[in-house]
Amino acid sequence: FFPGLFDVVVGEREAEGIRRKPAPDTVLACMRELGVS
């Protein structure tokens, strides 16, 4: 539906230690990828 429109895409990856929402992990992963606060 949105090819080329997103810079970072993070789904459920709890097996990788990224907790699902409402934990902040997925959002923080985006921040790290883009180098923002």
PDB file of all heavy atoms in Angstrom:
ATOM      1  N   PHE A   1       0.788  -1.230   0.000  1.00  0.00           N
ATOM      2  CA  PHE A   1       0.000   0.000   0.000  1.00  0.00           C
ATOM      3  C   PHE A   1       0.822   1.284   0.000  1.00  0.00           C
ATOM      4  O   PHE A   1       0.335   2.322  -0.446  1.00  0.00           O
ATOM      5  CB  PHE A   1      -0.951   0.011   1.203  1.00  0.00           C
ATOM      6  CG  PHE A   1      -2.018  -1.037   1.130  1.00  0.00           C
ATOM      7  CD1 PHE A   1      -1.978  -2.148   1.959  1.00  0.00           C
ATOM      8  CD2 PHE A   1      -3.056  -0.922   0.228  1.00  0.00           C
ATOM      9  CE1 PHE A   1      -2.966  -3.127   1.894  1.00  0.00           C
ATOM     10  CE2 PHE A   1      -4.053  -1.890   0.153  1.00  0.00           C
ATOM     11  CZ  PHE A   1      -4.005  -2.994   0.983  1.00  0.00           C
ATOM     12  N   PHE A   2       2.054   1.238   0.514  1.00  0.00           N
ATOM     13  CA  PHE A   2       2.831   2.466   0.668  1.00  0.00           C
ATOM     14  C   PHE A   2       4.276   2.290   0.195  1.00  0.00           C
ATOM     15  O   PHE A   2       5.212   2.649   0.918  1.00  0.00           O
ATOM     16  CB  PHE A   2       2.829   2.909   2.140  1.00  0.00           C
ATOM     17  CG  PHE A   2       1.462   2.993   2.757  1.00  0.00           C
ATOM     18  CD1 PHE A   2       1.104   2.139   3.791  1.00  0.00           C
ATOM     19  CD2 PHE A   2       0.536   3.935   2.321  1.00  0.00           C
ATOM     20  CE1 PHE A   2      -0.146   2.212   4.383  1.00  0.00           C
ATOM     21  CE2 PHE A   2      -0.725   4.014   2.899  1.00  0.00           C
ATOM     22  CZ  PHE A   2      -1.070   3.151   3.930  1.00  0.00           C
ATOM     23  N   PRO A   3       4.492   1.773  -0.991  1.00  0.00           N
ATOM     24  CA  PRO A   3       5.874   1.529  -1.429  1.00  0.00           C
ATOM     25  C   PRO A   3       6.676   2.830  -1.489  1.00  0.00           C
ATOM     26  O   PRO A   3       6.229   3.825  -2.057  1.00  0.00           O
ATOM     27  CB  PRO A   3       5.694   0.911  -2.818  1.00  0.00           C
ATOM     28  CG  PRO A   3       4.341   1.380  -3.285  1.00  0.00           C
ATOM     29  CD  PRO A   3       3.508   1.454  -2.048  1.00  0.00           C
ATOM     30  N   GLY A   4       7.846   2.801  -0.873  1.00  0.00           N
ATOM     31  CA  GLY A   4       8.755   3.935  -0.931  1.00  0.00           C
ATOM     32  C   GLY A   4       8.402   5.112  -0.058  1.00  0.00           C
ATOM     33  O   GLY A   4       9.076   6.142  -0.130  1.00  0.00           O
ATOM     34  N   LEU A   5       7.374   4.978   0.794  1.00  0.00           N
ATOM     35  CA  LEU A   5       6.934   6.129   1.588  1.00  0.00           C
ATOM     36  C   LEU A   5       7.444   6.107   3.029  1.00  0.00           C
ATOM     37  O   LEU A   5       7.271   7.097   3.747  1.00  0.00           O
ATOM     38  CB  LEU A   5       5.406   6.219   1.589  1.00  0.00           C
ATOM     39  CG  LEU A   5       4.758   6.573   0.240  1.00  0.00           C
ATOM     40  CD1 LEU A   5       3.243   6.585   0.353  1.00  0.00           C
ATOM     41  CD2 LEU A   5       5.260   7.933  -0.252  1.00  0.00           C
ATOM     42  N   PHE A   6       8.059   5.007   3.453  1.00  0.00           N
ATOM     43  CA  PHE A   6       8.522   4.917   4.837  1.00  0.00           C
ATOM     44  C   PHE A   6      10.016   4.635   4.901  1.00  0.00           C
ATOM     45  O   PHE A   6      10.552   3.830   4.132  1.00  0.00           O
ATOM     46  CB  PHE A   6       7.751   3.836   5.601  1.00  0.00           C
ATOM     47  CG  PHE A   6       6.350   4.258   5.937  1.00  0.00           C
ATOM     48  CD1 PHE A   6       5.290   3.843   5.160  1.00  0.00           C
ATOM     49  CD2 PHE A   6       6.103   5.112   7.000  1.00  0.00           C
ATOM     50  CE1 PHE A   6       3.999   4.253   5.446  1.00  0.00           C
ATOM     51  CE2 PHE A   6       4.818   5.530   7.292  1.00  0.00           C
ATOM     52  CZ  PHE A   6       3.763   5.102   6.515  1.00  0.00           C
ATOM     53  N   ASP A   7      10.671   5.307   5.842  1.00  0.00           N
ATOM     54  CA  ASP A   7      12.107   5.147   6.027  1.00  0.00           C
ATOM     55  C   ASP A   7      12.443   3.963   6.919  1.00  0.00           C
ATOM     56  O   ASP A   7      13.461   3.303   6.727  1.00  0.00           O
ATOM     57  CB  ASP A   7      12.687   6.433   6.627  1.00  0.00           C
ATOM     58  CG  ASP A   7      12.526   7.619   5.694  1.00  0.00           C
ATOM     59  OD1 ASP A   7      11.469   8.283   5.750  1.00  0.00           O
ATOM     60  OD2 ASP A   7      13.435   7.867   4.897  1.00  0.00           O
ATOM     61  N   VAL A   8      11.602   3.709   7.917  1.00  0.00           N
ATOM     62  CA  VAL A   8      11.825   2.588   8.842  1.00  0.00           C
ATOM     63  C   VAL A   8      10.473   1.932   9.117  1.00  0.00           C
ATOM     64  O   VAL A   8       9.478   2.633   9.343  1.00  0.00           O
ATOM     65  CB  VAL A   8      12.445   3.052  10.178  1.00  0.00           C
ATOM     66  CG1 VAL A   8      12.782   1.843  11.057  1.00  0.00           C
ATOM     67  CG2 VAL A   8      13.694   3.901   9.937  1.00  0.00           C
ATOM     68  N   VAL A   9      10.438   0.601   9.098  1.00  0.00           N
ATOM     69  CA  VAL A   9       9.215  -0.164   9.362  1.00  0.00           C
ATOM     70  C   VAL A   9       9.551  -1.245  10.378  1.00  0.00           C
ATOM     71  O   VAL A   9      10.432  -2.077  10.138  1.00  0.00           O
ATOM     72  CB  VAL A   9       8.667  -0.807   8.072  1.00  0.00           C
ATOM     73  CG1 VAL A   9       7.417  -1.640   8.379  1.00  0.00           C
ATOM     74  CG2 VAL A   9       8.364   0.257   7.025  1.00  0.00           C
ATOM     75  N   VAL A  10       8.861  -1.229  11.525  1.00  0.00           N
ATOM     76  CA  VAL A  10       9.157  -2.183  12.598  1.00  0.00           C
ATOM     77  C   VAL A  10       7.859  -2.827  13.068  1.00  0.00           C
ATOM     78  O   VAL A  10       6.991  -2.160  13.627  1.00  0.00           O
ATOM     79  CB  VAL A  10       9.851  -1.502  13.798  1.00  0.00           C
ATOM     80  CG1 VAL A  10      10.222  -2.546  14.849  1.00  0.00           C
ATOM     81  CG2 VAL A  10      11.092  -0.727  13.352  1.00  0.00           C
ATOM     82  N   GLY A  11       7.726  -4.132  12.841  1.00  0.00           N
ATOM     83  CA  GLY A  11       6.609  -4.886  13.380  1.00  0.00           C
ATOM     84  C   GLY A  11       7.013  -5.614  14.645  1.00  0.00           C
ATOM     85  O   GLY A  11       8.055  -5.322  15.244  1.00  0.00           O
ATOM     86  N   GLU A  12       6.193  -6.576  15.055  1.00  0.00           N
ATOM     87  CA  GLU A  12       6.462  -7.342  16.285  1.00  0.00           C
ATOM     88  C   GLU A  12       7.718  -8.193  16.089  1.00  0.00           C
ATOM     89  O   GLU A  12       7.783  -9.037  15.209  1.00  0.00           O
ATOM     90  CB  GLU A  12       5.243  -8.217  16.604  1.00  0.00           C
ATOM     91  CG  GLU A  12       5.337  -8.936  17.933  1.00  0.00           C
ATOM     92  CD  GLU A  12       6.109 -10.249  17.835  1.00  0.00           C
ATOM     93  OE1 GLU A  12       5.787 -11.060  16.959  1.00  0.00           O
ATOM     94  OE2 GLU A  12       7.052 -10.432  18.635  1.00  0.00           O
ATOM     95  N   ARG A  13       8.727  -7.939  16.938  1.00  0.00           N
ATOM     96  CA  ARG A  13      10.004  -8.661  16.857  1.00  0.00           C
ATOM     97  C   ARG A  13      10.462  -9.074  18.252  1.00  0.00           C
ATOM     98  O   ARG A  13      11.629  -8.909  18.619  1.00  0.00           O
ATOM     99  CB  ARG A  13      11.075  -7.781  16.212  1.00  0.00           C
ATOM    100  CG  ARG A  13      10.806  -7.350  14.787  1.00  0.00           C
ATOM    101  CD  ARG A  13      11.960  -6.501  14.260  1.00  0.00           C
ATOM    102  NE  ARG A  13      11.688  -5.925  12.959  1.00  0.00           N
ATOM    103  CZ  ARG A  13      12.487  -5.047  12.358  1.00  0.00           C
ATOM    104  NH1 ARG A  13      13.602  -4.645  12.948  1.00  0.00           N
ATOM    105  NH2 ARG A  13      12.170  -4.558  11.176  1.00  0.00           N
ATOM    106  N   GLU A  14       9.545  -9.601  19.045  1.00  0.00           N
ATOM    107  CA  GLU A  14       9.903  -9.924  20.428  1.00  0.00           C
ATOM    108  C   GLU A  14      10.993 -10.982  20.504  1.00  0.00           C
ATOM    109  O   GLU A  14      11.759 -11.009  21.464  1.00  0.00           O
ATOM    110  CB  GLU A  14       8.656 -10.337  21.198  1.00  0.00           C
ATOM    111  CG  GLU A  14       7.694  -9.171  21.414  1.00  0.00           C
ATOM    112  CD  GLU A  14       6.753  -9.374  22.576  1.00  0.00           C
ATOM    113  OE1 GLU A  14       6.218 -10.482  22.712  1.00  0.00           O
ATOM    114  OE2 GLU A  14       6.558  -8.407  23.344  1.00  0.00           O
ATOM    115  N   ALA A  15      11.081 -11.847  19.498  1.00  0.00           N
ATOM    116  CA  ALA A  15      12.143 -12.854  19.485  1.00  0.00           C
ATOM    117  C   ALA A  15      13.523 -12.211  19.395  1.00  0.00           C
ATOM    118  O   ALA A  15      14.521 -12.812  19.791  1.00  0.00           O
ATOM    119  CB  ALA A  15      11.943 -13.826  18.320  1.00  0.00           C
ATOM    120  N   GLU A  16      13.560 -10.968  18.896  1.00  0.00           N
ATOM    121  CA  GLU A  16      14.822 -10.223  18.799  1.00  0.00           C
ATOM    122  C   GLU A  16      15.041  -9.317  20.006  1.00  0.00           C
ATOM    123  O   GLU A  16      15.982  -8.531  20.029  1.00  0.00           O
ATOM    124  CB  GLU A  16      14.833  -9.380  17.521  1.00  0.00           C
ATOM    125  CG  GLU A  16      14.680 -10.180  16.246  1.00  0.00           C
ATOM    126  CD  GLU A  16      14.570  -9.288  15.024  1.00  0.00           C
ATOM    127  OE1 GLU A  16      15.032  -8.128  15.073  1.00  0.00           O
ATOM    128  OE2 GLU A  16      14.019  -9.752  14.016  1.00  0.00           O
ATOM    129  N   GLY A  17      14.146  -9.417  20.993  1.00  0.00           N
ATOM    130  CA  GLY A  17      14.279  -8.599  22.190  1.00  0.00           C
ATOM    131  C   GLY A  17      13.650  -7.229  22.074  1.00  0.00           C
ATOM    132  O   GLY A  17      13.846  -6.381  22.959  1.00  0.00           O
ATOM    133  N   ILE A  18      12.876  -6.990  21.003  1.00  0.00           N
ATOM    134  CA  ILE A  18      12.176  -5.720  20.834  1.00  0.00           C
ATOM    135  C   ILE A  18      10.746  -5.926  21.311  1.00  0.00           C
ATOM    136  O   ILE A  18       9.948  -6.580  20.642  1.00  0.00           O
ATOM    137  CB  ILE A  18      12.197  -5.253  19.366  1.00  0.00           C
ATOM    138  CG1 ILE A  18      13.639  -5.041  18.901  1.00  0.00           C
ATOM    139  CG2 ILE A  18      11.404  -3.962  19.197  1.00  0.00           C
ATOM    140  CD1 ILE A  18      13.763  -4.680  17.431  1.00  0.00           C
ATOM    141  N   ARG A  19      10.440  -5.391  22.486  1.00  0.00           N
ATOM    142  CA  ARG A  19       9.121  -5.609  23.073  1.00  0.00           C
ATOM    143  C   ARG A  19       8.042  -4.896  22.270  1.00  0.00           C
ATOM    144  O   ARG A  19       8.281  -3.860  21.674  1.00  0.00           O
ATOM    145  CB  ARG A  19       9.092  -5.119  24.521  1.00  0.00           C
ATOM    146  CG  ARG A  19      10.016  -5.880  25.460  1.00  0.00           C
ATOM    147  CD  ARG A  19      10.097  -5.169  26.793  1.00  0.00           C
ATOM    148  NE  ARG A  19      10.701  -3.840  26.644  1.00  0.00           N
ATOM    149  CZ  ARG A  19      10.709  -2.917  27.602  1.00  0.00           C
ATOM    150  NH1 ARG A  19      10.143  -3.166  28.775  1.00  0.00           N
ATOM    151  NH2 ARG A  19      11.286  -1.741  27.391  1.00  0.00           N
ATOM    152  N   ARG A  20       6.843  -5.467  22.299  1.00  0.00           N
ATOM    153  CA  ARG A  20       5.733  -4.857  21.580  1.00  0.00           C
ATOM    154  C   ARG A  20       5.189  -3.674  22.375  1.00  0.00           C
ATOM    155  O   ARG A  20       5.401  -3.543  23.571  1.00  0.00           O
ATOM    156  CB  ARG A  20       4.640  -5.889  21.299  1.00  0.00           C
ATOM    157  CG  ARG A  20       3.981  -6.492  22.520  1.00  0.00           C
ATOM    158  CD  ARG A  20       2.936  -7.519  22.095  1.00  0.00           C
ATOM    159  NE  ARG A  20       2.332  -8.192  23.227  1.00  0.00           N
ATOM    160  CZ  ARG A  20       1.305  -7.728  23.922  1.00  0.00           C
ATOM    161  NH1 ARG A  20       0.768  -6.565  23.603  1.00  0.00           N
ATOM    162  NH2 ARG A  20       0.807  -8.387  24.935  1.00  0.00           N
ATOM    163  N   LYS A  21       4.456  -2.823  21.668  1.00  0.00           N
ATOM    164  CA  LYS A  21       3.806  -1.686  22.318  1.00  0.00           C
ATOM    165  C   LYS A  21       2.819  -2.181  23.377  1.00  0.00           C
ATOM    166  O   LYS A  21       2.219  -3.243  23.200  1.00  0.00           O
ATOM    167  CB  LYS A  21       3.059  -0.849  21.270  1.00  0.00           C
ATOM    168  CG  LYS A  21       3.943  -0.299  20.162  1.00  0.00           C
ATOM    169  CD  LYS A  21       3.140   0.542  19.169  1.00  0.00           C
ATOM    170  CE  LYS A  21       2.150  -0.289  18.373  1.00  0.00           C
ATOM    171  NZ  LYS A  21       1.407   0.528  17.364  1.00  0.00           N
ATOM    172  N   PRO A  22       2.659  -1.448  24.488  1.00  0.00           N
ATOM    173  CA  PRO A  22       3.076  -0.061  24.733  1.00  0.00           C
ATOM    174  C   PRO A  22       4.517   0.129  25.215  1.00  0.00           C
ATOM    175  O   PRO A  22       4.870   1.252  25.582  1.00  0.00           O
ATOM    176  CB  PRO A  22       2.096   0.394  25.808  1.00  0.00           C
ATOM    177  CG  PRO A  22       1.797  -0.845  26.587  1.00  0.00           C
ATOM    178  CD  PRO A  22       1.765  -1.939  25.560  1.00  0.00           C
ATOM    179  N   ALA A  23       5.320  -0.929  25.266  1.00  0.00           N
ATOM    180  CA  ALA A  23       6.746  -0.704  25.512  1.00  0.00           C
ATOM    181  C   ALA A  23       7.285   0.204  24.409  1.00  0.00           C
ATOM    182  O   ALA A  23       6.792   0.163  23.269  1.00  0.00           O
ATOM    183  CB  ALA A  23       7.500  -2.034  25.529  1.00  0.00           C
ATOM    184  N   PRO A  24       8.291   0.999  24.676  1.00  0.00           N
ATOM    185  CA  PRO A  24       8.757   1.979  23.691  1.00  0.00           C
ATOM    186  C   PRO A  24       9.716   1.422  22.652  1.00  0.00           C
ATOM    187  O   PRO A  24      10.162   2.159  21.770  1.00  0.00           O
ATOM    188  CB  PRO A  24       9.481   3.011  24.565  1.00  0.00           C
ATOM    189  CG  PRO A  24      10.037   2.193  25.695  1.00  0.00           C
ATOM    190  CD  PRO A  24       8.981   1.152  25.982  1.00  0.00           C
ATOM    191  N   ASP A  25      10.025   0.131  22.717  1.00  0.00           N
ATOM    192  CA  ASP A  25      11.133  -0.423  21.946  1.00  0.00           C
ATOM    193  C   ASP A  25      11.048  -0.181  20.442  1.00  0.00           C
ATOM    194  O   ASP A  25      12.049   0.147  19.794  1.00  0.00           O
ATOM    195  CB  ASP A  25      11.245  -1.931  22.200  1.00  0.00           C
ATOM    196  CG  ASP A  25      11.506  -2.279  23.650  1.00  0.00           C
ATOM    197  OD1 ASP A  25      11.132  -1.480  24.528  1.00  0.00           O
ATOM    198  OD2 ASP A  25      12.062  -3.354  23.926  1.00  0.00           O
ATOM    199  N   THR A  26       9.849  -0.372  19.854  1.00  0.00           N
ATOM    200  CA  THR A  26       9.733  -0.199  18.407  1.00  0.00           C
ATOM    201  C   THR A  26       9.969   1.251  18.003  1.00  0.00           C
ATOM    202  O   THR A  26      10.618   1.530  16.985  1.00  0.00           O
ATOM    203  CB  THR A  26       8.351  -0.665  17.916  1.00  0.00           C
ATOM    204  OG1 THR A  26       7.324  -0.009  18.690  1.00  0.00           O
ATOM    205  CG2 THR A  26       8.193  -2.168  18.051  1.00  0.00           C
ATOM    206  N   VAL A  27       9.450   2.178  18.796  1.00  0.00           N
ATOM    207  CA  VAL A  27       9.649   3.603  18.503  1.00  0.00           C
ATOM    208  C   VAL A  27      11.115   3.976  18.686  1.00  0.00           C
ATOM    209  O   VAL A  27      11.698   4.706  17.861  1.00  0.00           O
ATOM    210  CB  VAL A  27       8.751   4.469  19.400  1.00  0.00           C
ATOM    211  CG1 VAL A  27       8.958   5.943  19.093  1.00  0.00           C
ATOM    212  CG2 VAL A  27       7.281   4.088  19.217  1.00  0.00           C
ATOM    213  N   LEU A  28      11.726   3.484  19.749  1.00  0.00           N
ATOM    214  CA  LEU A  28      13.142   3.773  19.981  1.00  0.00           C
ATOM    215  C   LEU A  28      14.014   3.188  18.883  1.00  0.00           C
ATOM    216  O   LEU A  28      15.043   3.778  18.519  1.00  0.00           O
ATOM    217  CB  LEU A  28      13.560   3.227  21.353  1.00  0.00           C
ATOM    218  CG  LEU A  28      12.864   3.877  22.557  1.00  0.00           C
ATOM    219  CD1 LEU A  28      13.317   3.209  23.852  1.00  0.00           C
ATOM    220  CD2 LEU A  28      13.121   5.381  22.607  1.00  0.00           C
ATOM    221  N   ALA A  29      13.612   2.040  18.328  1.00  0.00           N
ATOM    222  CA  ALA A  29      14.364   1.452  17.218  1.00  0.00           C
ATOM    223  C   ALA A  29      14.344   2.384  16.008  1.00  0.00           C
ATOM    224  O   ALA A  29      15.355   2.532  15.316  1.00  0.00           O
ATOM    225  CB  ALA A  29      13.788   0.089  16.854  1.00  0.00           C
ATOM    226  N   CYS A  30      13.199   3.014  15.758  1.00  0.00           N
ATOM    227  CA  CYS A  30      13.126   3.994  14.664  1.00  0.00           C
ATOM    228  C   CYS A  30      14.037   5.176  14.933  1.00  0.00           C
ATOM    229  O   CYS A  30      14.751   5.651  14.026  1.00  0.00           O
ATOM    230  CB  CYS A  30      11.691   4.480  14.500  1.00  0.00           C
ATOM    231  SG  CYS A  30      10.522   3.236  13.916  1.00  0.00           S
ATOM    232  N   MET A  31      14.024   5.669  16.169  1.00  0.00           N
ATOM    233  CA  MET A  31      14.859   6.809  16.519  1.00  0.00           C
ATOM    234  C   MET A  31      16.344   6.487  16.322  1.00  0.00           C
ATOM    235  O   MET A  31      17.104   7.314  15.790  1.00  0.00           O
ATOM    236  CB  MET A  31      14.601   7.221  17.967  1.00  0.00           C
ATOM    237  CG  MET A  31      13.220   7.768  18.228  1.00  0.00           C
ATOM    238  SD  MET A  31      13.037   8.242  19.974  1.00  0.00           S
ATOM    239  CE  MET A  31      11.262   8.522  20.061  1.00  0.00           C
ATOM    240  N   ARG A  32      16.737   5.298  16.754  1.00  0.00           N
ATOM    241  CA  ARG A  32      18.141   4.911  16.584  1.00  0.00           C
ATOM    242  C   ARG A  32      18.506   4.840  15.105  1.00  0.00           C
ATOM    243  O   ARG A  32      19.586   5.281  14.698  1.00  0.00           O
ATOM    244  CB  ARG A  32      18.398   3.559  17.252  1.00  0.00           C
ATOM    245  CG  ARG A  32      18.428   3.612  18.771  1.00  0.00           C
ATOM    246  CD  ARG A  32      19.032   2.333  19.344  1.00  0.00           C
ATOM    247  NE  ARG A  32      18.245   1.162  18.965  1.00  0.00           N
ATOM    248  CZ  ARG A  32      17.211   0.688  19.672  1.00  0.00           C
ATOM    249  NH1 ARG A  32      16.828   1.312  20.779  1.00  0.00           N
ATOM    250  NH2 ARG A  32      16.567  -0.384  19.281  1.00  0.00           N
ATOM    251  N   GLU A  33      17.619   4.276  14.312  1.00  0.00           N
ATOM    252  CA  GLU A  33      17.893   4.120  12.886  1.00  0.00           C
ATOM    253  C   GLU A  33      18.081   5.478  12.203  1.00  0.00           C
ATOM    254  O   GLU A  33      18.936   5.628  11.319  1.00  0.00           O
ATOM    255  CB  GLU A  33      16.738   3.367  12.229  1.00  0.00           C
ATOM    256  CG  GLU A  33      16.903   3.086  10.759  1.00  0.00           C
ATOM    257  CD  GLU A  33      17.906   1.986  10.454  1.00  0.00           C
ATOM    258  OE1 GLU A  33      18.256   1.227  11.382  1.00  0.00           O
ATOM    259  OE2 GLU A  33      18.347   1.908   9.293  1.00  0.00           O
ATOM    260  N   LEU A  34      17.305   6.463  12.643  1.00  0.00           N
ATOM    261  CA  LEU A  34      17.355   7.779  12.007  1.00  0.00           C
ATOM    262  C   LEU A  34      18.238   8.778  12.749  1.00  0.00           C
ATOM    263  O   LEU A  34      18.443   9.890  12.274  1.00  0.00           O
ATOM    264  CB  LEU A  34      15.938   8.345  11.885  1.00  0.00           C
ATOM    265  CG  LEU A  34      15.001   7.551  10.965  1.00  0.00           C
ATOM    266  CD1 LEU A  34      13.591   8.121  11.008  1.00  0.00           C
ATOM    267  CD2 LEU A  34      15.518   7.549   9.529  1.00  0.00           C
ATOM    268  N   GLY A  35      18.741   8.387  13.935  1.00  0.00           N
ATOM    269  CA  GLY A  35      19.638   9.244  14.678  1.00  0.00           C
ATOM    270  C   GLY A  35      18.985  10.481  15.234  1.00  0.00           C
ATOM    271  O   GLY A  35      19.556  11.587  15.178  1.00  0.00           O
ATOM    272  N   VAL A  36      17.747  10.321  15.777  1.00  0.00           N
ATOM    273  CA  VAL A  36      17.024  11.462  16.330  1.00  0.00           C
ATOM    274  C   VAL A  36      16.636  11.183  17.776  1.00  0.00           C
ATOM    275  O   VAL A  36      16.652  10.040  18.235  1.00  0.00           O
ATOM    276  CB  VAL A  36      15.750  11.777  15.502  1.00  0.00           C
ATOM    277  CG1 VAL A  36      16.135  12.229  14.106  1.00  0.00           C
ATOM    278  CG2 VAL A  36      14.827  10.573  15.439  1.00  0.00           C
ATOM    279  N   SER A  37      16.253  12.240  18.489  1.00  0.00           N
ATOM    280  CA  SER A  37      15.865  12.133  19.890  1.00  0.00           C
ATOM    281  C   SER A  37      14.345  12.135  20.012  1.00  0.00           C
ATOM    282  O   SER A  37      13.630  12.526  19.078  1.00  0.00           O
ATOM    283  CB  SER A  37      16.431  13.324  20.668  1.00  0.00           C
ATOM    284  OG  SER A  37      15.764  14.523  20.264  1.00  0.00           O
TER     285      SER A  37
END
